[in-house]
Amino acid sequence: MRAHLVQMTGGTAGATAPYREAAGLTGTQAERRCLLGEADRPVVSGGDGRDHRA
């Protein structure tokens, strides 16, 4: 949740560590894969001055 909130406020690059932390805390492989996949998505600069995950 924290990673998603950081990402929603434009701190996409700063959301990587919380996504990895959440992946380490989850009990299911599917959720772990999803969270790590989100953490590994590249960050690109948007035209609105905010970063976004590709």
PDB file of N, CA and C in Angstrom:
ATOM      1  N   MET A   1       0.813  -1.185   0.000  1.00  0.00           N
ATOM      2  CA  MET A   1       0.000   0.000   0.000  1.00  0.00           C
ATOM      3  C   MET A   1       0.863   1.260   0.000  1.00  0.00           C
ATOM      4  N   ARG A   2       1.908   1.254   0.830  1.00  0.00           N
ATOM      5  CA  ARG A   2       2.776   2.427   0.896  1.00  0.00           C
ATOM      6  C   ARG A   2       3.418   2.697  -0.465  1.00  0.00           C
ATOM      7  N   ALA A   3       3.887   1.633  -1.130  1.00  0.00           N
ATOM      8  CA  ALA A   3       4.524   1.810  -2.435  1.00  0.00           C
ATOM      9  C   ALA A   3       3.550   2.416  -3.431  1.00  0.00           C
ATOM     10  N   HIS A   4       2.317   1.952  -3.412  1.00  0.00           N
ATOM     11  CA  HIS A   4       1.312   2.468  -4.335  1.00  0.00           C
ATOM     12  C   HIS A   4       1.032   3.948  -4.057  1.00  0.00           C
ATOM     13  N   LEU A   5       0.946   4.316  -2.792  1.00  0.00           N
ATOM     14  CA  LEU A   5       0.701   5.723  -2.452  1.00  0.00           C
ATOM     15  C   LEU A   5       1.868   6.607  -2.873  1.00  0.00           C
ATOM     16  N   VAL A   6       3.090   6.133  -2.676  1.00  0.00           N
ATOM     17  CA  VAL A   6       4.268   6.891  -3.111  1.00  0.00           C
ATOM     18  C   VAL A   6       4.212   7.078  -4.621  1.00  0.00           C
ATOM     19  N   GLN A   7       3.876   6.005  -5.327  1.00  0.00           N
ATOM     20  CA  GLN A   7       3.793   6.055  -6.788  1.00  0.00           C
ATOM     21  C   GLN A   7       2.697   7.016  -7.235  1.00  0.00           C
ATOM     22  N   MET A   8       1.551   7.007  -6.567  1.00  0.00           N
ATOM     23  CA  MET A   8       0.435   7.866  -6.948  1.00  0.00           C
ATOM     24  C   MET A   8       0.756   9.348  -6.769  1.00  0.00           C
ATOM     25  N   THR A   9       1.644   9.682  -5.854  1.00  0.00           N
ATOM     26  CA  THR A   9       1.996  11.076  -5.620  1.00  0.00           C
ATOM     27  C   THR A   9       3.178  11.532  -6.466  1.00  0.00           C
ATOM     28  N   GLY A  10       3.576  10.705  -7.432  1.00  0.00           N
ATOM     29  CA  GLY A  10       4.631  11.095  -8.352  1.00  0.00           C
ATOM     30  C   GLY A  10       6.008  10.628  -7.951  1.00  0.00           C
ATOM     31  N   GLY A  11       6.130   9.888  -6.871  1.00  0.00           N
ATOM     32  CA  GLY A  11       7.431   9.395  -6.427  1.00  0.00           C
ATOM     33  C   GLY A  11       7.704   7.994  -6.928  1.00  0.00           C
ATOM     34  N   THR A  12       7.534   7.791  -8.208  1.00  0.00           N
ATOM     35  CA  THR A  12       7.623   6.447  -8.782  1.00  0.00           C
ATOM     36  C   THR A  12       8.956   5.777  -8.479  1.00  0.00           C
ATOM     37  N   ALA A  13      10.048   6.478  -8.651  1.00  0.00           N
ATOM     38  CA  ALA A  13      11.360   5.883  -8.377  1.00  0.00           C
ATOM     39  C   ALA A  13      11.480   5.521  -6.903  1.00  0.00           C
ATOM     40  N   GLY A  14      10.874   6.312  -6.032  1.00  0.00           N
ATOM     41  CA  GLY A  14      10.922   6.047  -4.605  1.00  0.00           C
ATOM     42  C   GLY A  14      10.019   4.909  -4.166  1.00  0.00           C
ATOM     43  N   ALA A  15       9.189   4.395  -5.056  1.00  0.00           N
ATOM     44  CA  ALA A  15       8.283   3.297  -4.714  1.00  0.00           C
ATOM     45  C   ALA A  15       8.960   1.934  -4.844  1.00  0.00           C
ATOM     46  N   THR A  16      10.116   1.876  -5.477  1.00  0.00           N
ATOM     47  CA  THR A  16      10.778   0.592  -5.705  1.00  0.00           C
ATOM     48  C   THR A  16      11.098  -0.128  -4.402  1.00  0.00           C
ATOM     49  N   ALA A  17      11.706   0.548  -3.450  1.00  0.00           N
ATOM     50  CA  ALA A  17      12.083  -0.096  -2.185  1.00  0.00           C
ATOM     51  C   ALA A  17      10.851  -0.579  -1.406  1.00  0.00           C
ATOM     52  N   PRO A  18       9.792   0.221  -1.288  1.00  0.00           N
ATOM     53  CA  PRO A  18       8.609  -0.298  -0.595  1.00  0.00           C
ATOM     54  C   PRO A  18       7.966  -1.500  -1.293  1.00  0.00           C
ATOM     55  N   TYR A  19       7.993  -1.539  -2.631  1.00  0.00           N
ATOM     56  CA  TYR A  19       7.469  -2.710  -3.343  1.00  0.00           C
ATOM     57  C   TYR A  19       8.304  -3.941  -2.983  1.00  0.00           C
ATOM     58  N   ARG A  20       9.616  -3.790  -2.941  1.00  0.00           N
ATOM     59  CA  ARG A  20      10.488  -4.918  -2.590  1.00  0.00           C
ATOM     60  C   ARG A  20      10.272  -5.343  -1.136  1.00  0.00           C
ATOM     61  N   GLU A  21      10.090  -4.381  -0.253  1.00  0.00           N
ATOM     62  CA  GLU A  21       9.840  -4.698   1.145  1.00  0.00           C
ATOM     63  C   GLU A  21       8.535  -5.488   1.293  1.00  0.00           C
ATOM     64  N   ALA A  22       7.494  -5.039   0.609  1.00  0.00           N
ATOM     65  CA  ALA A  22       6.211  -5.733   0.664  1.00  0.00           C
ATOM     66  C   ALA A  22       6.327  -7.146   0.097  1.00  0.00           C
ATOM     67  N   ALA A  23       7.116  -7.308  -0.959  1.00  0.00           N
ATOM     68  CA  ALA A  23       7.308  -8.639  -1.549  1.00  0.00           C
ATOM     69  C   ALA A  23       7.959  -9.587  -0.549  1.00  0.00           C
ATOM     70  N   GLY A  24       8.859  -9.064   0.267  1.00  0.00           N
ATOM     71  CA  GLY A  24       9.518  -9.891   1.263  1.00  0.00           C
ATOM     72  C   GLY A  24       8.607 -10.271   2.421  1.00  0.00           C
ATOM     73  N   LEU A  25       7.535  -9.529   2.609  1.00  0.00           N
ATOM     74  CA  LEU A  25       6.628  -9.776   3.723  1.00  0.00           C
ATOM     75  C   LEU A  25       5.421 -10.630   3.351  1.00  0.00           C
ATOM     76  N   THR A  26       5.116 -10.736   2.065  1.00  0.00           N
ATOM     77  CA  THR A  26       3.920 -11.473   1.666  1.00  0.00           C
ATOM     78  C   THR A  26       4.122 -12.981   1.814  1.00  0.00           C
ATOM     79  N   GLY A  27       3.024 -13.681   1.977  1.00  0.00           N
ATOM     80  CA  GLY A  27       3.098 -15.124   2.167  1.00  0.00           C
ATOM     81  C   GLY A  27       2.832 -15.932   0.910  1.00  0.00           C
ATOM     82  N   THR A  28       2.468 -15.258  -0.184  1.00  0.00           N
ATOM     83  CA  THR A  28       2.133 -16.012  -1.388  1.00  0.00           C
ATOM     84  C   THR A  28       3.115 -15.710  -2.516  1.00  0.00           C
ATOM     85  N   GLN A  29       3.419 -16.738  -3.292  1.00  0.00           N
ATOM     86  CA  GLN A  29       4.341 -16.583  -4.428  1.00  0.00           C
ATOM     87  C   GLN A  29       3.751 -15.661  -5.488  1.00  0.00           C
ATOM     88  N   ALA A  30       2.455 -15.788  -5.743  1.00  0.00           N
ATOM     89  CA  ALA A  30       1.830 -14.962  -6.785  1.00  0.00           C
ATOM     90  C   ALA A  30       1.934 -13.476  -6.444  1.00  0.00           C
ATOM     91  N   GLU A  31       1.636 -13.140  -5.199  1.00  0.00           N
ATOM     92  CA  GLU A  31       1.720 -11.738  -4.797  1.00  0.00           C
ATOM     93  C   GLU A  31       3.171 -11.260  -4.811  1.00  0.00           C
ATOM     94  N   ARG A  32       4.095 -12.113  -4.392  1.00  0.00           N
ATOM     95  CA  ARG A  32       5.518 -11.768  -4.420  1.00  0.00           C
ATOM     96  C   ARG A  32       5.968 -11.458  -5.847  1.00  0.00           C
ATOM     97  N   ARG A  33       5.576 -12.316  -6.800  1.00  0.00           N
ATOM     98  CA  ARG A  33       5.936 -12.081  -8.215  1.00  0.00           C
ATOM     99  C   ARG A  33       5.364 -10.763  -8.709  1.00  0.00           C
ATOM    100  N   CYS A  34       4.125 -10.487  -8.353  1.00  0.00           N
ATOM    101  CA  CYS A  34       3.471  -9.248  -8.781  1.00  0.00           C
ATOM    102  C   CYS A  34       4.206  -8.029  -8.231  1.00  0.00           C
ATOM    103  N   LEU A  35       4.507  -8.047  -6.936  1.00  0.00           N
ATOM    104  CA  LEU A  35       5.181  -6.907  -6.305  1.00  0.00           C
ATOM    105  C   LEU A  35       6.592  -6.713  -6.847  1.00  0.00           C
ATOM    106  N   LEU A  36       7.324  -7.806  -7.028  1.00  0.00           N
ATOM    107  CA  LEU A  36       8.675  -7.688  -7.584  1.00  0.00           C
ATOM    108  C   LEU A  36       8.630  -7.226  -9.041  1.00  0.00           C
ATOM    109  N   GLY A  37       7.616  -7.668  -9.765  1.00  0.00           N
ATOM    110  CA  GLY A  37       7.449  -7.205 -11.144  1.00  0.00           C
ATOM    111  C   GLY A  37       7.210  -5.713 -11.196  1.00  0.00           C
ATOM    112  N   GLU A  38       6.415  -5.216 -10.275  1.00  0.00           N
ATOM    113  CA  GLU A  38       6.159  -3.766 -10.212  1.00  0.00           C
ATOM    114  C   GLU A  38       7.440  -3.018  -9.845  1.00  0.00           C
ATOM    115  N   ALA A  39       8.204  -3.564  -8.914  1.00  0.00           N
ATOM    116  CA  ALA A  39       9.460  -2.924  -8.503  1.00  0.00           C
ATOM    117  C   ALA A  39      10.465  -2.873  -9.648  1.00  0.00           C
ATOM    118  N   ASP A  40      10.424  -3.877 -10.519  1.00  0.00           N
ATOM    119  CA  ASP A  40      11.398  -3.974 -11.610  1.00  0.00           C
ATOM    120  C   ASP A  40      10.983  -3.221 -12.874  1.00  0.00           C
ATOM    121  N   ARG A  41       9.751  -2.706 -12.904  1.00  0.00           N
ATOM    122  CA  ARG A  41       9.330  -1.953 -14.093  1.00  0.00           C
ATOM    123  C   ARG A  41      10.158  -0.687 -14.214  1.00  0.00           C
ATOM    124  N   PRO A  42      10.606  -0.363 -15.424  1.00  0.00           N
ATOM    125  CA  PRO A  42      11.427   0.844 -15.596  1.00  0.00           C
ATOM    126  C   PRO A  42      10.640   2.122 -15.301  1.00  0.00           C
ATOM    127  N   VAL A  43      11.352   3.109 -14.813  1.00  0.00           N
ATOM    128  CA  VAL A  43      10.775   4.418 -14.520  1.00  0.00           C
ATOM    129  C   VAL A  43      11.153   5.362 -15.651  1.00  0.00           C
ATOM    130  N   VAL A  44      10.153   6.037 -16.204  1.00  0.00           N
ATOM    131  CA  VAL A  44      10.399   6.990 -17.288  1.00  0.00           C
ATOM    132  C   VAL A  44       9.836   8.350 -16.884  1.00  0.00           C
ATOM    133  N   SER A  45      10.446   9.397 -17.394  1.00  0.00           N
ATOM    134  CA  SER A  45       9.959  10.746 -17.113  1.00  0.00           C
ATOM    135  C   SER A  45       8.756  11.037 -18.000  1.00  0.00           C
ATOM    136  N   GLY A  46       7.722  11.575 -17.380  1.00  0.00           N
ATOM    137  CA  GLY A  46       6.529  11.936 -18.124  1.00  0.00           C
ATOM    138  C   GLY A  46       6.568  13.384 -18.555  1.00  0.00           C
ATOM    139  N   GLY A  47       5.753  13.732 -19.501  1.00  0.00           N
ATOM    140  CA  GLY A  47       5.686  15.094 -19.990  1.00  0.00           C
ATOM    141  C   GLY A  47       5.111  16.064 -18.973  1.00  0.00           C
ATOM    142  N   ASP A  48       4.522  15.519 -17.913  1.00  0.00           N
ATOM    143  CA  ASP A  48       3.925  16.377 -16.893  1.00  0.00           C
ATOM    144  C   ASP A  48       4.894  16.670 -15.760  1.00  0.00           C
ATOM    145  N   GLY A  49       6.157  16.288 -15.922  1.00  0.00           N
ATOM    146  CA  GLY A  49       7.173  16.553 -14.903  1.00  0.00           C
ATOM    147  C   GLY A  49       7.237  15.490 -13.820  1.00  0.00           C
ATOM    148  N   ARG A  50       6.389  14.473 -13.927  1.00  0.00           N
ATOM    149  CA  ARG A  50       6.391  13.380 -12.947  1.00  0.00           C
ATOM    150  C   ARG A  50       6.958  12.125 -13.595  1.00  0.00           C
ATOM    151  N   ASP A  51       7.481  11.233 -12.768  1.00  0.00           N
ATOM    152  CA  ASP A  51       7.958   9.958 -13.260  1.00  0.00           C
ATOM    153  C   ASP A  51       6.800   8.957 -13.292  1.00  0.00           C
ATOM    154  N   HIS A  52       6.886   8.030 -14.221  1.00  0.00           N
ATOM    155  CA  HIS A  52       5.864   6.993 -14.373  1.00  0.00           C
ATOM    156  C   HIS A  52       6.566   5.666 -14.625  1.00  0.00           C
ATOM    157  N   ARG A  53       5.924   4.584 -14.278  1.00  0.00           N
ATOM    158  CA  ARG A  53       6.450   3.267 -14.601  1.00  0.00           C
ATOM    159  C   ARG A  53       6.010   2.925 -16.006  1.00  0.00           C
ATOM    160  N   ALA A  54       6.933   2.415 -16.788  1.00  0.00           N
ATOM    161  CA  ALA A  54       6.634   2.066 -18.183  1.00  0.00           C
ATOM    162  C   ALA A  54       5.760   0.840 -18.256  1.00  0.00           C
TER     163      ALA A  54
END
